[in-house]
Amino acid sequence: MLGRVYVILDSFYVDGKDMRDICEKVLKGGAEVIQIRAKDWDKIKIKEVSKEIYPICKGFDVPLIVNDHIDIGSDFDGAHIGKDDVDHKIARKYLKDKILGVSCYGDLDLAIKLQNEGVDYVAFSSPYPSPTKDKEITSFELFRKAKENLRIPFYAIGGIDDERAKEIVKWGAYGVAVVSYVLTAKDPEEATKRLKDAVYSSI
C-alpha cells in the first residue's frame, strides 16, 4: 500500500538543478510518495532529472512517479495521468506491474470504475483554492463516501497545508498530495514533517 504523504516536485516551483536537493529534503521530512511533474520540460529533460532523483527515492524506499508520461514512468516506479490523457486501460497495459494513478477531480463514480479496472490510486481535487488546480470540490462529503467505496489509496490535492491536512483526513481522505506548501517553504524538510505529523495524527 502506498504511503499517505505524497509530494509533487513541480518544475513551476523547482528548477531542474535544484530538484535533487529538494527531493532529498522532503524525503528526510517523511514524504512517502514522490512525483515529478514538469509540464514545461521536454521529455529528455524529464527523464534525465528522474534518473538523478530516482536513486535518492530508492534510498528511502519511496516510489518515484512520473506525471503524464507513461513511457518515462515505466522506467521508474510508475506514472500519474489525467482522466483525459492517455486511456487508463492502455496505460495499465503499458506500465504492467508499475504504479498507475489517475486524477478524478470530484468524480467518485469514475474513481470506483478505475479501481475496478486496475488503477492503483486516484486523486481528487481541489478541496481548497489552489494555485495548481482550477477545479474545486464542492463538498468534503466526497472523502467520506470515497472511504466507504474505495479499497485503493485516494489522495486530496489542492491548497493543502498541515492544518488543512488534518481536516481533510478526518473527513476520510486516505492521504494528501501537496505542491506549493512544501516547495515554497523556507525549510521543505520541516514542512514535510509537519504535514506528515498532521496526517497521521488525524487518522
N, C-alpha and C. Protein backbone atom coordinates (compact mmCIF):
# COMPACT_ATOMS: atom_id res chain seq x y z
N MET A 1 0.85 -1.19 0.00
CA MET A 1 0.00 0.00 0.00
C MET A 1 0.88 1.24 0.00
N LEU A 2 0.51 2.20 -0.81
CA LEU A 2 1.25 3.46 -0.87
C LEU A 2 1.09 4.25 0.42
N GLY A 3 2.11 5.07 0.72
CA GLY A 3 2.04 5.92 1.90
C GLY A 3 1.05 7.06 1.73
N ARG A 4 0.81 7.77 2.81
CA ARG A 4 -0.24 8.79 2.85
C ARG A 4 0.25 10.20 2.51
N VAL A 5 1.56 10.41 2.51
CA VAL A 5 2.12 11.75 2.29
C VAL A 5 2.80 11.78 0.92
N TYR A 6 2.17 12.47 -0.02
CA TYR A 6 2.55 12.43 -1.43
C TYR A 6 3.03 13.84 -1.82
N VAL A 7 4.29 13.95 -2.18
CA VAL A 7 4.85 15.26 -2.54
C VAL A 7 5.15 15.31 -4.03
N ILE A 8 4.66 16.36 -4.68
CA ILE A 8 4.86 16.54 -6.11
C ILE A 8 5.95 17.59 -6.34
N LEU A 9 7.02 17.18 -7.00
CA LEU A 9 8.11 18.08 -7.35
C LEU A 9 7.78 18.71 -8.69
N ASP A 10 7.25 19.91 -8.63
CA ASP A 10 6.73 20.59 -9.82
C ASP A 10 7.77 21.59 -10.34
N SER A 11 8.07 21.51 -11.62
CA SER A 11 9.09 22.39 -12.22
C SER A 11 8.68 23.86 -12.18
N PHE A 12 7.41 24.14 -11.96
CA PHE A 12 6.96 25.52 -11.83
C PHE A 12 7.58 26.18 -10.59
N TYR A 13 7.86 25.35 -9.58
CA TYR A 13 8.42 25.84 -8.33
C TYR A 13 9.89 25.48 -8.14
N VAL A 14 10.33 24.40 -8.76
CA VAL A 14 11.69 23.90 -8.54
C VAL A 14 12.40 23.72 -9.88
N ASP A 15 13.51 24.40 -10.05
CA ASP A 15 14.30 24.24 -11.26
C ASP A 15 14.97 22.86 -11.28
N GLY A 16 15.29 22.39 -12.45
CA GLY A 16 15.90 21.07 -12.58
C GLY A 16 17.15 20.90 -11.75
N LYS A 17 17.97 21.94 -11.66
CA LYS A 17 19.22 21.83 -10.92
C LYS A 17 18.99 21.73 -9.41
N ASP A 18 17.81 22.16 -8.95
CA ASP A 18 17.50 22.11 -7.52
C ASP A 18 16.65 20.90 -7.14
N MET A 19 16.19 20.17 -8.14
CA MET A 19 15.24 19.08 -7.90
C MET A 19 15.83 18.01 -6.99
N ARG A 20 17.09 17.69 -7.20
CA ARG A 20 17.74 16.64 -6.41
C ARG A 20 17.79 17.04 -4.93
N ASP A 21 18.19 18.28 -4.68
CA ASP A 21 18.32 18.76 -3.31
C ASP A 21 16.97 18.80 -2.60
N ILE A 22 15.96 19.33 -3.28
CA ILE A 22 14.62 19.40 -2.70
C ILE A 22 14.07 18.00 -2.45
N CYS A 23 14.29 17.11 -3.39
CA CYS A 23 13.82 15.74 -3.25
C CYS A 23 14.38 15.11 -1.97
N GLU A 24 15.66 15.27 -1.77
CA GLU A 24 16.29 14.69 -0.57
C GLU A 24 15.71 15.29 0.70
N LYS A 25 15.46 16.59 0.69
CA LYS A 25 14.93 17.25 1.88
C LYS A 25 13.54 16.75 2.23
N VAL A 26 12.66 16.65 1.23
CA VAL A 26 11.30 16.21 1.54
C VAL A 26 11.27 14.73 1.94
N LEU A 27 12.19 13.95 1.39
CA LEU A 27 12.27 12.55 1.81
C LEU A 27 12.75 12.44 3.26
N LYS A 28 13.68 13.27 3.63
CA LYS A 28 14.13 13.29 5.03
C LYS A 28 12.99 13.73 5.94
N GLY A 29 12.12 14.57 5.41
CA GLY A 29 10.98 15.04 6.18
C GLY A 29 9.87 14.02 6.31
N GLY A 30 9.94 12.96 5.52
CA GLY A 30 8.96 11.89 5.65
C GLY A 30 8.02 11.68 4.48
N ALA A 31 8.30 12.29 3.33
CA ALA A 31 7.47 12.04 2.15
C ALA A 31 7.46 10.55 1.83
N GLU A 32 6.29 10.04 1.45
CA GLU A 32 6.13 8.60 1.23
C GLU A 32 5.87 8.23 -0.23
N VAL A 33 5.57 9.23 -1.05
CA VAL A 33 5.47 9.08 -2.50
C VAL A 33 6.02 10.36 -3.10
N ILE A 34 6.81 10.23 -4.16
CA ILE A 34 7.34 11.39 -4.87
C ILE A 34 6.87 11.34 -6.32
N GLN A 35 6.38 12.48 -6.80
CA GLN A 35 6.03 12.59 -8.22
C GLN A 35 6.83 13.74 -8.82
N ILE A 36 7.33 13.53 -10.01
CA ILE A 36 7.96 14.62 -10.75
C ILE A 36 6.97 15.09 -11.82
N ARG A 37 6.66 16.39 -11.78
CA ARG A 37 5.72 16.98 -12.73
C ARG A 37 6.40 18.18 -13.38
N ALA A 38 6.54 18.12 -14.69
CA ALA A 38 7.26 19.18 -15.39
C ALA A 38 6.61 19.42 -16.75
N LYS A 39 5.53 20.15 -16.74
CA LYS A 39 4.77 20.37 -17.96
C LYS A 39 5.48 21.30 -18.94
N ASP A 40 6.50 22.03 -18.45
CA ASP A 40 7.24 22.95 -19.31
C ASP A 40 8.59 22.38 -19.76
N TRP A 41 8.89 21.12 -19.44
CA TRP A 41 10.13 20.49 -19.87
C TRP A 41 9.87 19.54 -21.02
N ASP A 42 10.89 19.32 -21.85
CA ASP A 42 10.76 18.27 -22.85
C ASP A 42 11.02 16.92 -22.18
N LYS A 43 10.69 15.87 -22.90
CA LYS A 43 10.77 14.53 -22.30
C LYS A 43 12.20 14.12 -21.97
N ILE A 44 13.16 14.62 -22.73
CA ILE A 44 14.56 14.28 -22.46
C ILE A 44 14.97 14.80 -21.09
N LYS A 45 14.59 16.03 -20.79
CA LYS A 45 14.95 16.61 -19.50
C LYS A 45 14.22 15.91 -18.36
N ILE A 46 12.95 15.60 -18.55
CA ILE A 46 12.19 14.89 -17.51
C ILE A 46 12.87 13.57 -17.18
N LYS A 47 13.29 12.86 -18.20
CA LYS A 47 13.92 11.56 -17.96
C LYS A 47 15.28 11.73 -17.29
N GLU A 48 16.04 12.73 -17.70
CA GLU A 48 17.37 12.96 -17.11
C GLU A 48 17.25 13.30 -15.63
N VAL A 49 16.33 14.21 -15.29
CA VAL A 49 16.17 14.60 -13.89
C VAL A 49 15.60 13.44 -13.07
N SER A 50 14.69 12.67 -13.67
CA SER A 50 14.15 11.50 -12.98
C SER A 50 15.26 10.51 -12.64
N LYS A 51 16.18 10.34 -13.57
CA LYS A 51 17.32 9.45 -13.31
C LYS A 51 18.17 9.95 -12.15
N GLU A 52 18.25 11.26 -12.01
CA GLU A 52 19.05 11.84 -10.93
C GLU A 52 18.40 11.64 -9.56
N ILE A 53 17.07 11.79 -9.50
CA ILE A 53 16.42 11.69 -8.20
C ILE A 53 15.97 10.27 -7.84
N TYR A 54 15.95 9.38 -8.84
CA TYR A 54 15.49 8.01 -8.58
C TYR A 54 16.32 7.30 -7.51
N PRO A 55 17.66 7.36 -7.56
CA PRO A 55 18.44 6.69 -6.52
C PRO A 55 18.18 7.25 -5.12
N ILE A 56 17.87 8.54 -5.05
CA ILE A 56 17.56 9.14 -3.75
C ILE A 56 16.26 8.53 -3.21
N CYS A 57 15.27 8.45 -4.07
CA CYS A 57 14.00 7.84 -3.67
C CYS A 57 14.20 6.39 -3.23
N LYS A 58 15.00 5.66 -3.99
CA LYS A 58 15.25 4.26 -3.66
C LYS A 58 15.93 4.13 -2.29
N GLY A 59 16.80 5.11 -1.97
CA GLY A 59 17.48 5.08 -0.69
C GLY A 59 16.53 5.22 0.48
N PHE A 60 15.37 5.82 0.24
CA PHE A 60 14.35 5.98 1.27
C PHE A 60 13.21 4.98 1.09
N ASP A 61 13.34 4.09 0.12
CA ASP A 61 12.31 3.10 -0.20
C ASP A 61 10.97 3.77 -0.52
N VAL A 62 11.06 4.85 -1.30
CA VAL A 62 9.88 5.62 -1.68
C VAL A 62 9.74 5.58 -3.21
N PRO A 63 8.53 5.31 -3.71
CA PRO A 63 8.35 5.24 -5.17
C PRO A 63 8.44 6.60 -5.84
N LEU A 64 8.98 6.61 -7.07
CA LEU A 64 9.04 7.80 -7.91
C LEU A 64 8.04 7.64 -9.04
N ILE A 65 7.07 8.55 -9.08
CA ILE A 65 6.02 8.55 -10.09
C ILE A 65 6.27 9.69 -11.07
N VAL A 66 6.07 9.45 -12.35
CA VAL A 66 6.24 10.48 -13.38
C VAL A 66 4.89 10.93 -13.88
N ASN A 67 4.66 12.24 -13.87
CA ASN A 67 3.39 12.78 -14.33
C ASN A 67 3.30 12.78 -15.86
N ASP A 68 2.15 12.38 -16.36
CA ASP A 68 1.79 12.45 -17.79
C ASP A 68 2.41 11.37 -18.69
N HIS A 69 3.69 11.07 -18.50
CA HIS A 69 4.41 10.27 -19.49
C HIS A 69 4.57 8.81 -19.04
N ILE A 70 3.70 7.95 -19.56
CA ILE A 70 3.77 6.55 -19.13
C ILE A 70 5.03 5.87 -19.65
N ASP A 71 5.57 6.33 -20.77
CA ASP A 71 6.78 5.72 -21.30
C ASP A 71 7.97 6.00 -20.39
N ILE A 72 8.03 7.20 -19.82
CA ILE A 72 9.11 7.51 -18.87
C ILE A 72 8.82 6.84 -17.54
N GLY A 73 7.58 6.90 -17.10
CA GLY A 73 7.21 6.28 -15.83
C GLY A 73 7.51 4.80 -15.77
N SER A 74 7.46 4.13 -16.91
CA SER A 74 7.73 2.69 -16.93
C SER A 74 9.19 2.38 -16.62
N ASP A 75 10.06 3.39 -16.74
CA ASP A 75 11.47 3.20 -16.40
C ASP A 75 11.72 3.40 -14.91
N PHE A 76 10.72 3.90 -14.20
CA PHE A 76 10.87 4.16 -12.77
C PHE A 76 9.79 3.37 -12.03
N ASP A 77 9.01 4.00 -11.15
CA ASP A 77 8.04 3.22 -10.38
C ASP A 77 6.61 3.34 -10.89
N GLY A 78 6.38 4.22 -11.86
CA GLY A 78 5.04 4.33 -12.38
C GLY A 78 4.73 5.70 -12.92
N ALA A 79 3.45 5.94 -13.20
CA ALA A 79 3.03 7.20 -13.82
C ALA A 79 1.69 7.64 -13.26
N HIS A 80 1.47 8.95 -13.36
CA HIS A 80 0.18 9.54 -12.99
C HIS A 80 -0.37 10.26 -14.22
N ILE A 81 -1.64 10.03 -14.53
CA ILE A 81 -2.25 10.64 -15.70
C ILE A 81 -3.56 11.32 -15.33
N GLY A 82 -3.95 12.30 -16.15
CA GLY A 82 -5.26 12.92 -16.00
C GLY A 82 -6.30 12.04 -16.68
N LYS A 83 -7.55 12.26 -16.32
CA LYS A 83 -8.60 11.39 -16.87
C LYS A 83 -8.78 11.59 -18.37
N ASP A 84 -8.27 12.71 -18.90
CA ASP A 84 -8.40 12.98 -20.33
C ASP A 84 -7.09 12.78 -21.09
N ASP A 85 -6.08 12.25 -20.40
CA ASP A 85 -4.81 11.94 -21.07
C ASP A 85 -4.93 10.58 -21.75
N VAL A 86 -3.83 9.89 -21.87
CA VAL A 86 -3.87 8.55 -22.47
C VAL A 86 -4.88 7.68 -21.72
N ASP A 87 -5.59 6.85 -22.45
CA ASP A 87 -6.59 5.98 -21.84
C ASP A 87 -5.96 5.13 -20.74
N HIS A 88 -6.62 5.05 -19.61
CA HIS A 88 -6.05 4.34 -18.46
C HIS A 88 -5.86 2.85 -18.73
N LYS A 89 -6.67 2.28 -19.59
CA LYS A 89 -6.51 0.86 -19.91
C LYS A 89 -5.23 0.64 -20.71
N ILE A 90 -4.94 1.55 -21.61
CA ILE A 90 -3.69 1.48 -22.36
C ILE A 90 -2.51 1.69 -21.42
N ALA A 91 -2.66 2.67 -20.52
CA ALA A 91 -1.60 2.95 -19.55
C ALA A 91 -1.34 1.74 -18.66
N ARG A 92 -2.42 1.08 -18.24
CA ARG A 92 -2.27 -0.10 -17.36
C ARG A 92 -1.49 -1.21 -18.07
N LYS A 93 -1.82 -1.45 -19.32
CA LYS A 93 -1.10 -2.49 -20.07
C LYS A 93 0.35 -2.11 -20.29
N TYR A 94 0.59 -0.83 -20.56
CA TYR A 94 1.95 -0.36 -20.83
C TYR A 94 2.82 -0.43 -19.59
N LEU A 95 2.27 -0.02 -18.47
CA LEU A 95 3.05 0.02 -17.23
C LEU A 95 3.20 -1.35 -16.58
N LYS A 96 2.37 -2.30 -17.00
CA LYS A 96 2.41 -3.66 -16.43
C LYS A 96 2.22 -3.60 -14.92
N ASP A 97 3.22 -4.00 -14.15
CA ASP A 97 3.04 -4.05 -12.70
C ASP A 97 3.50 -2.78 -12.00
N LYS A 98 3.82 -1.74 -12.77
CA LYS A 98 4.22 -0.47 -12.16
C LYS A 98 2.98 0.26 -11.64
N ILE A 99 3.19 1.30 -10.85
CA ILE A 99 2.10 2.05 -10.24
C ILE A 99 1.41 2.94 -11.28
N LEU A 100 0.09 2.95 -11.25
CA LEU A 100 -0.70 3.83 -12.11
C LEU A 100 -1.69 4.61 -11.26
N GLY A 101 -1.59 5.94 -11.31
CA GLY A 101 -2.54 6.80 -10.63
C GLY A 101 -3.26 7.68 -11.63
N VAL A 102 -4.50 8.06 -11.30
CA VAL A 102 -5.31 8.86 -12.21
C VAL A 102 -6.02 9.97 -11.43
N SER A 103 -6.06 11.17 -12.00
CA SER A 103 -6.80 12.28 -11.43
C SER A 103 -8.29 12.10 -11.72
N CYS A 104 -9.10 12.23 -10.68
CA CYS A 104 -10.55 12.08 -10.84
C CYS A 104 -11.31 13.35 -10.51
N TYR A 105 -10.59 14.42 -10.12
CA TYR A 105 -11.22 15.69 -9.79
C TYR A 105 -12.26 15.45 -8.69
N GLY A 106 -13.54 15.61 -8.95
CA GLY A 106 -14.54 15.34 -7.91
C GLY A 106 -15.45 14.19 -8.25
N ASP A 107 -15.01 13.30 -9.13
CA ASP A 107 -15.87 12.26 -9.69
C ASP A 107 -15.64 10.91 -9.01
N LEU A 108 -16.45 10.61 -8.00
CA LEU A 108 -16.31 9.35 -7.27
C LEU A 108 -16.69 8.15 -8.13
N ASP A 109 -17.71 8.31 -8.97
CA ASP A 109 -18.11 7.18 -9.84
C ASP A 109 -16.94 6.78 -10.75
N LEU A 110 -16.22 7.77 -11.26
CA LEU A 110 -15.06 7.47 -12.09
C LEU A 110 -14.00 6.74 -11.27
N ALA A 111 -13.78 7.19 -10.05
CA ALA A 111 -12.78 6.55 -9.19
C ALA A 111 -13.11 5.09 -8.94
N ILE A 112 -14.37 4.79 -8.70
CA ILE A 112 -14.80 3.40 -8.47
C ILE A 112 -14.57 2.57 -9.74
N LYS A 113 -14.91 3.14 -10.88
CA LYS A 113 -14.70 2.46 -12.17
C LYS A 113 -13.21 2.18 -12.38
N LEU A 114 -12.36 3.17 -12.11
CA LEU A 114 -10.92 2.99 -12.30
C LEU A 114 -10.36 1.95 -11.34
N GLN A 115 -10.85 1.96 -10.12
CA GLN A 115 -10.43 0.93 -9.15
C GLN A 115 -10.73 -0.46 -9.69
N ASN A 116 -11.91 -0.64 -10.22
CA ASN A 116 -12.32 -1.95 -10.73
C ASN A 116 -11.57 -2.36 -11.98
N GLU A 117 -10.92 -1.37 -12.63
CA GLU A 117 -10.19 -1.66 -13.86
C GLU A 117 -8.67 -1.65 -13.65
N GLY A 118 -8.24 -1.69 -12.40
CA GLY A 118 -6.84 -1.93 -12.13
C GLY A 118 -5.95 -0.75 -11.84
N VAL A 119 -6.53 0.46 -11.64
CA VAL A 119 -5.72 1.60 -11.26
C VAL A 119 -5.28 1.44 -9.80
N ASP A 120 -4.09 1.91 -9.48
CA ASP A 120 -3.53 1.69 -8.14
C ASP A 120 -3.93 2.74 -7.12
N TYR A 121 -4.18 3.97 -7.58
CA TYR A 121 -4.65 5.02 -6.68
C TYR A 121 -5.30 6.10 -7.51
N VAL A 122 -6.08 6.97 -6.85
CA VAL A 122 -6.70 8.10 -7.53
C VAL A 122 -6.48 9.36 -6.70
N ALA A 123 -6.65 10.50 -7.35
CA ALA A 123 -6.53 11.78 -6.67
C ALA A 123 -7.76 12.63 -6.95
N PHE A 124 -8.25 13.29 -5.90
CA PHE A 124 -9.40 14.19 -6.02
C PHE A 124 -8.94 15.62 -5.79
N SER A 125 -9.40 16.54 -6.64
CA SER A 125 -9.02 17.95 -6.48
C SER A 125 -10.22 18.85 -6.80
N SER A 126 -10.24 20.02 -6.25
CA SER A 126 -9.34 20.56 -5.26
C SER A 126 -10.19 20.90 -4.04
N PRO A 127 -9.82 20.39 -2.86
CA PRO A 127 -10.64 20.67 -1.68
C PRO A 127 -10.57 22.13 -1.22
N TYR A 128 -9.50 22.82 -1.62
CA TYR A 128 -9.31 24.23 -1.24
C TYR A 128 -8.83 25.01 -2.46
N PRO A 129 -8.96 26.34 -2.44
CA PRO A 129 -8.40 27.13 -3.54
C PRO A 129 -6.92 26.82 -3.70
N SER A 130 -6.47 26.69 -4.94
CA SER A 130 -5.11 26.24 -5.18
C SER A 130 -4.49 26.91 -6.40
N PRO A 131 -3.21 27.27 -6.32
CA PRO A 131 -2.53 27.85 -7.49
C PRO A 131 -2.24 26.83 -8.58
N THR A 132 -2.34 25.54 -8.25
CA THR A 132 -2.02 24.50 -9.24
C THR A 132 -3.25 23.76 -9.75
N LYS A 133 -4.42 23.99 -9.13
CA LYS A 133 -5.64 23.29 -9.55
C LYS A 133 -6.76 24.31 -9.72
N ASP A 134 -7.46 24.24 -10.86
CA ASP A 134 -8.50 25.23 -11.11
C ASP A 134 -9.91 24.68 -10.91
N LYS A 135 -10.00 23.43 -10.47
CA LYS A 135 -11.31 22.85 -10.19
C LYS A 135 -11.41 22.64 -8.68
N GLU A 136 -12.61 22.84 -8.16
CA GLU A 136 -12.76 22.76 -6.71
C GLU A 136 -13.89 21.82 -6.33
N ILE A 137 -13.62 20.93 -5.39
CA ILE A 137 -14.63 20.03 -4.85
C ILE A 137 -15.60 20.85 -4.02
N THR A 138 -16.88 20.62 -4.22
CA THR A 138 -17.88 21.44 -3.54
C THR A 138 -18.18 20.96 -2.13
N SER A 139 -17.88 19.68 -1.83
CA SER A 139 -18.21 19.16 -0.50
C SER A 139 -17.18 18.13 -0.06
N PHE A 140 -16.76 18.22 1.20
CA PHE A 140 -15.83 17.23 1.75
C PHE A 140 -16.50 15.87 1.94
N GLU A 141 -17.82 15.86 1.79
CA GLU A 141 -18.56 14.60 1.88
C GLU A 141 -18.01 13.58 0.89
N LEU A 142 -17.43 14.07 -0.18
CA LEU A 142 -16.81 13.17 -1.17
C LEU A 142 -15.82 12.21 -0.52
N PHE A 143 -15.03 12.71 0.42
CA PHE A 143 -13.99 11.87 1.03
C PHE A 143 -14.58 10.82 1.95
N ARG A 144 -15.67 11.15 2.62
CA ARG A 144 -16.35 10.15 3.44
C ARG A 144 -16.89 9.03 2.56
N LYS A 145 -17.52 9.41 1.46
CA LYS A 145 -18.07 8.42 0.54
C LYS A 145 -16.96 7.60 -0.12
N ALA A 146 -15.85 8.26 -0.45
CA ALA A 146 -14.73 7.54 -1.06
C ALA A 146 -14.18 6.49 -0.10
N LYS A 147 -14.11 6.84 1.17
CA LYS A 147 -13.61 5.89 2.16
C LYS A 147 -14.50 4.65 2.24
N GLU A 148 -15.78 4.85 2.04
CA GLU A 148 -16.73 3.75 2.09
C GLU A 148 -16.68 2.87 0.85
N ASN A 149 -16.25 3.45 -0.28
CA ASN A 149 -16.37 2.75 -1.56
C ASN A 149 -15.05 2.34 -2.21
N LEU A 150 -13.94 2.88 -1.76
CA LEU A 150 -12.67 2.60 -2.41
C LEU A 150 -11.77 1.72 -1.53
N ARG A 151 -11.14 0.78 -2.16
CA ARG A 151 -10.15 -0.07 -1.48
C ARG A 151 -8.73 0.40 -1.77
N ILE A 152 -8.58 1.19 -2.81
CA ILE A 152 -7.26 1.70 -3.19
C ILE A 152 -7.02 3.05 -2.52
N PRO A 153 -5.76 3.47 -2.39
CA PRO A 153 -5.49 4.79 -1.81
C PRO A 153 -6.11 5.90 -2.65
N PHE A 154 -6.60 6.94 -1.97
CA PHE A 154 -7.12 8.12 -2.68
C PHE A 154 -6.64 9.36 -1.94
N TYR A 155 -6.11 10.28 -2.74
CA TYR A 155 -5.48 11.47 -2.19
C TYR A 155 -6.29 12.72 -2.50
N ALA A 156 -6.27 13.66 -1.57
CA ALA A 156 -6.79 15.00 -1.82
C ALA A 156 -5.61 15.86 -2.25
N ILE A 157 -5.82 16.67 -3.27
CA ILE A 157 -4.77 17.58 -3.73
C ILE A 157 -5.37 18.94 -4.05
N GLY A 158 -4.68 19.98 -3.62
CA GLY A 158 -5.12 21.33 -3.94
C GLY A 158 -5.26 22.21 -2.71
N GLY A 159 -4.32 23.11 -2.52
CA GLY A 159 -4.42 24.09 -1.45
C GLY A 159 -4.23 23.53 -0.05
N ILE A 160 -3.57 22.39 0.07
CA ILE A 160 -3.46 21.72 1.37
C ILE A 160 -2.18 22.13 2.10
N ASP A 161 -2.34 22.49 3.38
CA ASP A 161 -1.21 22.70 4.27
C ASP A 161 -1.38 21.76 5.45
N ASP A 162 -0.59 21.91 6.51
CA ASP A 162 -0.68 20.95 7.61
C ASP A 162 -2.03 21.02 8.32
N GLU A 163 -2.57 22.22 8.56
CA GLU A 163 -3.85 22.32 9.24
C GLU A 163 -4.99 21.78 8.38
N ARG A 164 -4.97 22.09 7.11
CA ARG A 164 -6.00 21.58 6.21
C ARG A 164 -5.88 20.08 6.03
N ALA A 165 -4.67 19.55 6.12
CA ALA A 165 -4.47 18.10 6.03
C ALA A 165 -5.22 17.40 7.15
N LYS A 166 -5.16 17.97 8.34
CA LYS A 166 -5.88 17.37 9.48
C LYS A 166 -7.37 17.29 9.17
N GLU A 167 -7.91 18.38 8.66
CA GLU A 167 -9.34 18.43 8.37
C GLU A 167 -9.74 17.41 7.31
N ILE A 168 -8.97 17.37 6.23
CA ILE A 168 -9.35 16.52 5.11
C ILE A 168 -9.20 15.03 5.44
N VAL A 169 -8.21 14.70 6.25
CA VAL A 169 -8.04 13.30 6.66
C VAL A 169 -9.15 12.91 7.62
N LYS A 170 -9.56 13.79 8.51
CA LYS A 170 -10.67 13.49 9.42
C LYS A 170 -11.96 13.26 8.65
N TRP A 171 -12.09 13.89 7.49
CA TRP A 171 -13.26 13.67 6.63
C TRP A 171 -13.20 12.32 5.92
N GLY A 172 -12.00 11.71 5.89
CA GLY A 172 -11.92 10.38 5.29
C GLY A 172 -10.86 10.18 4.25
N ALA A 173 -10.18 11.25 3.81
CA ALA A 173 -9.15 11.08 2.79
C ALA A 173 -8.07 10.12 3.27
N TYR A 174 -7.64 9.24 2.39
CA TYR A 174 -6.55 8.31 2.73
C TYR A 174 -5.26 9.08 2.95
N GLY A 175 -4.99 10.04 2.08
CA GLY A 175 -3.75 10.80 2.19
C GLY A 175 -3.87 12.13 1.48
N VAL A 176 -2.79 12.89 1.49
CA VAL A 176 -2.78 14.20 0.85
C VAL A 176 -1.59 14.30 -0.10
N ALA A 177 -1.81 15.00 -1.19
CA ALA A 177 -0.74 15.30 -2.14
C ALA A 177 -0.55 16.81 -2.14
N VAL A 178 0.70 17.24 -2.04
CA VAL A 178 0.99 18.67 -1.93
C VAL A 178 2.04 19.11 -2.92
N VAL A 179 1.96 20.39 -3.27
CA VAL A 179 2.95 21.00 -4.16
C VAL A 179 3.51 22.24 -3.47
N SER A 180 2.76 23.34 -3.53
CA SER A 180 3.29 24.64 -3.10
C SER A 180 3.59 24.70 -1.61
N TYR A 181 2.79 24.01 -0.77
CA TYR A 181 3.01 24.08 0.67
C TYR A 181 4.44 23.68 1.04
N VAL A 182 4.93 22.65 0.39
CA VAL A 182 6.29 22.17 0.66
C VAL A 182 7.32 22.92 -0.18
N LEU A 183 7.05 23.11 -1.46
CA LEU A 183 8.07 23.65 -2.36
C LEU A 183 8.34 25.14 -2.16
N THR A 184 7.41 25.85 -1.57
CA THR A 184 7.65 27.28 -1.31
C THR A 184 8.08 27.53 0.13
N ALA A 185 8.17 26.49 0.93
CA ALA A 185 8.56 26.65 2.34
C ALA A 185 10.05 27.01 2.45
N LYS A 186 10.37 27.79 3.47
CA LYS A 186 11.78 28.10 3.71
C LYS A 186 12.56 26.85 4.04
N ASP A 187 11.90 25.90 4.71
CA ASP A 187 12.52 24.63 5.08
C ASP A 187 11.61 23.49 4.62
N PRO A 188 11.80 22.97 3.39
CA PRO A 188 10.93 21.92 2.87
C PRO A 188 10.92 20.66 3.73
N GLU A 189 12.05 20.35 4.35
CA GLU A 189 12.10 19.16 5.21
C GLU A 189 11.17 19.33 6.40
N GLU A 190 11.24 20.47 7.05
CA GLU A 190 10.40 20.72 8.22
C GLU A 190 8.93 20.80 7.83
N ALA A 191 8.64 21.41 6.68
CA ALA A 191 7.26 21.49 6.21
C ALA A 191 6.68 20.09 5.96
N THR A 192 7.50 19.21 5.41
CA THR A 192 7.04 17.84 5.17
C THR A 192 6.82 17.11 6.48
N LYS A 193 7.68 17.34 7.45
CA LYS A 193 7.48 16.74 8.77
C LYS A 193 6.16 17.17 9.39
N ARG A 194 5.88 18.47 9.32
CA ARG A 194 4.62 18.99 9.87
C ARG A 194 3.43 18.35 9.16
N LEU A 195 3.53 18.23 7.85
CA LEU A 195 2.46 17.63 7.08
C LEU A 195 2.23 16.18 7.48
N LYS A 196 3.31 15.44 7.60
CA LYS A 196 3.19 14.02 7.97
C LYS A 196 2.60 13.86 9.36
N ASP A 197 3.07 14.67 10.29
CA ASP A 197 2.52 14.63 11.64
C ASP A 197 1.03 14.93 11.63
N ALA A 198 0.63 15.91 10.83
CA ALA A 198 -0.78 16.30 10.75
C ALA A 198 -1.63 15.15 10.21
N VAL A 199 -1.13 14.50 9.17
CA VAL A 199 -1.88 13.40 8.54
C VAL A 199 -2.05 12.24 9.52
N TYR A 200 -0.95 11.79 10.10
CA TYR A 200 -1.02 10.58 10.92
C TYR A 200 -1.66 10.82 12.29
N SER A 201 -1.69 12.07 12.73
CA SER A 201 -2.36 12.36 13.99
C SER A 201 -3.88 12.46 13.81
N SER A 202 -4.32 12.47 12.56
CA SER A 202 -5.74 12.67 12.28
C SER A 202 -6.45 11.42 11.79
N ILE A 203 -5.72 10.34 11.63
CA ILE A 203 -6.33 9.08 11.14
C ILE A 203 -7.24 8.47 12.21
